[in-house]
C-alpha atoms as a PDB file:
ATOM      1  CA  MET A   1      18.403  -2.441  -0.387  1.00  0.00           C
ATOM      2  CA  GLU A   2      21.108  -5.007  -1.615  1.00  0.00           C
ATOM      3  CA  ARG A   3      19.891  -7.853   0.590  1.00  0.00           C
ATOM      4  CA  ARG A   4      16.180  -7.045   0.551  1.00  0.00           C
ATOM      5  CA  ASP A   5      16.155  -7.376   4.407  1.00  0.00           C
ATOM      6  CA  PHE A   6      13.066  -4.735   4.232  1.00  0.00           C
ATOM      7  CA  GLY A   7      11.588  -5.630   7.501  1.00  0.00           C
ATOM      8  CA  LYS A   8      15.043  -4.805   9.414  1.00  0.00           C
ATOM      9  CA  ALA A   9      15.429  -1.702   7.392  1.00  0.00           C
ATOM     10  CA  GLU A  10      12.016  -0.926   8.354  1.00  0.00           C
ATOM     11  CA  GLN A  11      12.579  -1.446  12.034  1.00  0.00           C
ATOM     12  CA  CYS A  12      15.762   0.582  11.767  1.00  0.00           C
ATOM     13  CA  TYR A  13      13.962   3.530  10.288  1.00  0.00           C
ATOM     14  CA  LEU A  14      11.129   3.322  12.749  1.00  0.00           C
ATOM     15  CA  ASN A  15      13.714   3.255  15.432  1.00  0.00           C
ATOM     16  CA  ALA A  16      15.274   6.372  14.121  1.00  0.00           C
ATOM     17  CA  LYS A  17      11.757   7.883  13.832  1.00  0.00           C
ATOM     18  CA  ASP A  18      11.941   8.442  10.493  1.00  0.00           C
ATOM     19  CA  PRO A  19       9.041   6.264   8.973  1.00  0.00           C
ATOM     20  CA  GLU A  20       8.934   8.357   5.708  1.00  0.00           C
ATOM     21  CA  ARG A  21      12.296   6.396   4.688  1.00  0.00           C
ATOM     22  CA  ALA A  22      10.865   3.274   5.139  1.00  0.00           C
ATOM     23  CA  ILE A  23       7.871   4.349   3.279  1.00  0.00           C
ATOM     24  CA  GLN A  24      10.052   5.879   0.657  1.00  0.00           C
ATOM     25  CA  MET A  25      11.994   2.503   0.613  1.00  0.00           C
ATOM     26  CA  TYR A  26       8.979   0.409   0.089  1.00  0.00           C
ATOM     27  CA  LEU A  27       7.766   2.490  -2.698  1.00  0.00           C
ATOM     28  CA  ASP A  28      11.160   2.259  -4.668  1.00  0.00           C
ATOM     29  CA  ALA A  29      10.686  -1.553  -4.315  1.00  0.00           C
ATOM     30  CA  LYS A  30       7.026  -1.360  -5.383  1.00  0.00           C
ATOM     31  CA  LEU A  31       5.955  -2.748  -2.419  1.00  0.00           C
ATOM     32  CA  TYR A  32       3.125  -0.543  -2.264  1.00  0.00           C
ATOM     33  CA  GLY A  33       0.835  -2.684   0.323  1.00  0.00           C
ATOM     34  CA  GLU A  34       4.164  -2.252   2.623  1.00  0.00           C
ATOM     35  CA  ALA A  35       4.326   1.394   2.479  1.00  0.00           C
ATOM     36  CA  LEU A  36       0.529   1.822   2.790  1.00  0.00           C
ATOM     37  CA  ARG A  37       0.907  -0.093   5.870  1.00  0.00           C
ATOM     38  CA  VAL A  38       3.792   1.901   7.469  1.00  0.00           C
ATOM     39  CA  ALA A  39       2.005   5.186   6.444  1.00  0.00           C
ATOM     40  CA  ASN A  40      -1.331   4.046   7.885  1.00  0.00           C
ATOM     41  CA  LYS A  41       0.248   3.335  11.282  1.00  0.00           C
ATOM     42  CA  HIS A  42       3.100   5.731  11.596  1.00  0.00           C
ATOM     43  CA  VAL A  43       2.188   8.815   9.052  1.00  0.00           C
ATOM     44  CA  PRO A  44      -1.342   8.952   8.383  1.00  0.00           C
ATOM     45  CA  HIS A  45      -1.297  12.237   6.394  1.00  0.00           C
ATOM     46  CA  MET A  46       0.670  10.185   3.662  1.00  0.00           C
ATOM     47  CA  VAL A  47      -2.127   7.257   3.204  1.00  0.00           C
ATOM     48  CA  HIS A  48      -4.161   9.415   0.588  1.00  0.00           C
ATOM     49  CA  GLN A  49      -0.968   9.946  -1.553  1.00  0.00           C
ATOM     50  CA  ILE A  50       0.180   6.660  -1.155  1.00  0.00           C
ATOM     51  CA  ASN A  51      -3.155   5.066  -1.947  1.00  0.00           C
ATOM     52  CA  GLU A  52      -3.012   6.964  -5.246  1.00  0.00           C
ATOM     53  CA  ILE A  53      -0.067   5.640  -6.420  1.00  0.00           C
ATOM     54  CA  TYR A  54      -1.147   1.913  -5.207  1.00  0.00           C
ATOM     55  CA  SER A  55      -4.720   2.355  -7.104  1.00  0.00           C
ATOM     56  CA  ARG A  56      -2.926   3.428 -10.402  1.00  0.00           C
ATOM     57  CA  GLY A  57      -4.014   1.306 -13.398  1.00  0.00           C
ATOM     58  CA  GLY A  58      -0.525  -0.614 -14.267  1.00  0.00           C
ATOM     59  CA  VAL A  59       0.307  -0.948 -10.575  1.00  0.00           C
ATOM     60  CA  SER A  60      -2.718  -2.720  -9.531  1.00  0.00           C
ATOM     61  CA  GLN A  61      -1.986  -5.564 -12.084  1.00  0.00           C
ATOM     62  CA  GLY A  62      -0.382  -8.093 -10.150  1.00  0.00           C
ATOM     63  CA  GLN A  63      -1.625  -7.026  -6.856  1.00  0.00           C
ATOM     64  CA  SER A  64      -3.297 -10.040  -4.703  1.00  0.00           C
ATOM     65  CA  GLY A  65      -7.160  -9.449  -4.204  1.00  0.00           C
ATOM     66  CA  ASP A  66      -6.175  -8.953  -0.777  1.00  0.00           C
ATOM     67  CA  GLU A  67      -4.061  -5.768  -1.728  1.00  0.00           C
ATOM     68  CA  ILE A  68      -6.938  -4.353  -3.692  1.00  0.00           C
ATOM     69  CA  PHE A  69      -9.330  -4.946  -1.127  1.00  0.00           C
ATOM     70  CA  ARG A  70      -7.223  -3.111   1.237  1.00  0.00           C
ATOM     71  CA  SER A  71      -6.668  -0.302  -1.157  1.00  0.00           C
ATOM     72  CA  ALA A  72     -10.410  -0.087  -1.619  1.00  0.00           C
ATOM     73  CA  LYS A  73     -11.180  -0.265   2.179  1.00  0.00           C
ATOM     74  CA  MET A  74      -8.758   2.857   2.938  1.00  0.00           C
ATOM     75  CA  TRP A  75     -10.792   4.876  -0.078  1.00  0.00           C
ATOM     76  CA  GLU A  76     -13.991   3.880   1.533  1.00  0.00           C
ATOM     77  CA  GLU A  77     -12.716   5.065   5.117  1.00  0.00           C
ATOM     78  CA  SER A  78     -11.541   8.518   3.864  1.00  0.00           C
ATOM     79  CA  ARG A  79     -15.272   8.695   2.077  1.00  0.00           C
ATOM     80  CA  ASP A  80     -13.947   8.312  -1.626  1.00  0.00           C
ATOM     81  CA  TYR A  81     -16.508   6.446  -2.505  1.00  0.00           C
ATOM     82  CA  GLN A  82     -15.963   6.214  -6.298  1.00  0.00           C
ATOM     83  CA  LYS A  83     -12.494   5.085  -6.059  1.00  0.00           C
ATOM     84  CA  ALA A  84     -13.425   2.406  -3.404  1.00  0.00           C
ATOM     85  CA  ILE A  85     -16.111   1.112  -5.842  1.00  0.00           C
ATOM     86  CA  ASP A  86     -13.449   1.474  -8.642  1.00  0.00           C
ATOM     87  CA  ARG A  87     -10.852  -0.865  -6.819  1.00  0.00           C
ATOM     88  CA  TYR A  88     -13.492  -3.382  -5.401  1.00  0.00           C
ATOM     89  CA  LEU A  89     -14.564  -3.919  -9.077  1.00  0.00           C
ATOM     90  CA  GLU A  90     -10.790  -4.879  -9.871  1.00  0.00           C
ATOM     91  CA  ILE A  91     -11.013  -7.957  -7.832  1.00  0.00           C
ATOM     92  CA  THR A  92     -12.028 -11.176  -9.733  1.00  0.00           C
ATOM     93  CA  ASP A  93     -12.323 -14.627  -9.432  1.00  0.00           C
ATOM     94  CA  HIS A  94      -8.609 -15.181 -10.264  1.00  0.00           C
ATOM     95  CA  HIS A  95      -7.786 -13.141  -7.245  1.00  0.00           C
ATOM     96  CA  PHE A  96      -8.746 -16.080  -4.764  1.00  0.00           C
ATOM     97  CA  THR A  97      -7.875 -19.670  -5.065  1.00  0.00           C
ATOM     98  CA  ASN A  98     -11.013 -20.740  -2.679  1.00  0.00           C
END
């Protein structure tokens, strides 16, 4: 995306009934939380795969506390408790300003 108008592009992909392309767009841009959001709503069978990518060590650096929390919650909901615990343990004081 040259102009980085991800919202419009996502809407176009969803209107074309091609949510996988929207997910790939977000993955290519390293916007894993957005990819996970679209997958969770439109392509649930991809959630596990995206959460795997989202949870990888190098990728998790720079994620907000909320992003890590959402990822952990999804592991918890899929009953992969060890991965959920690992993600929860990544959250530190510096993730939250309040």
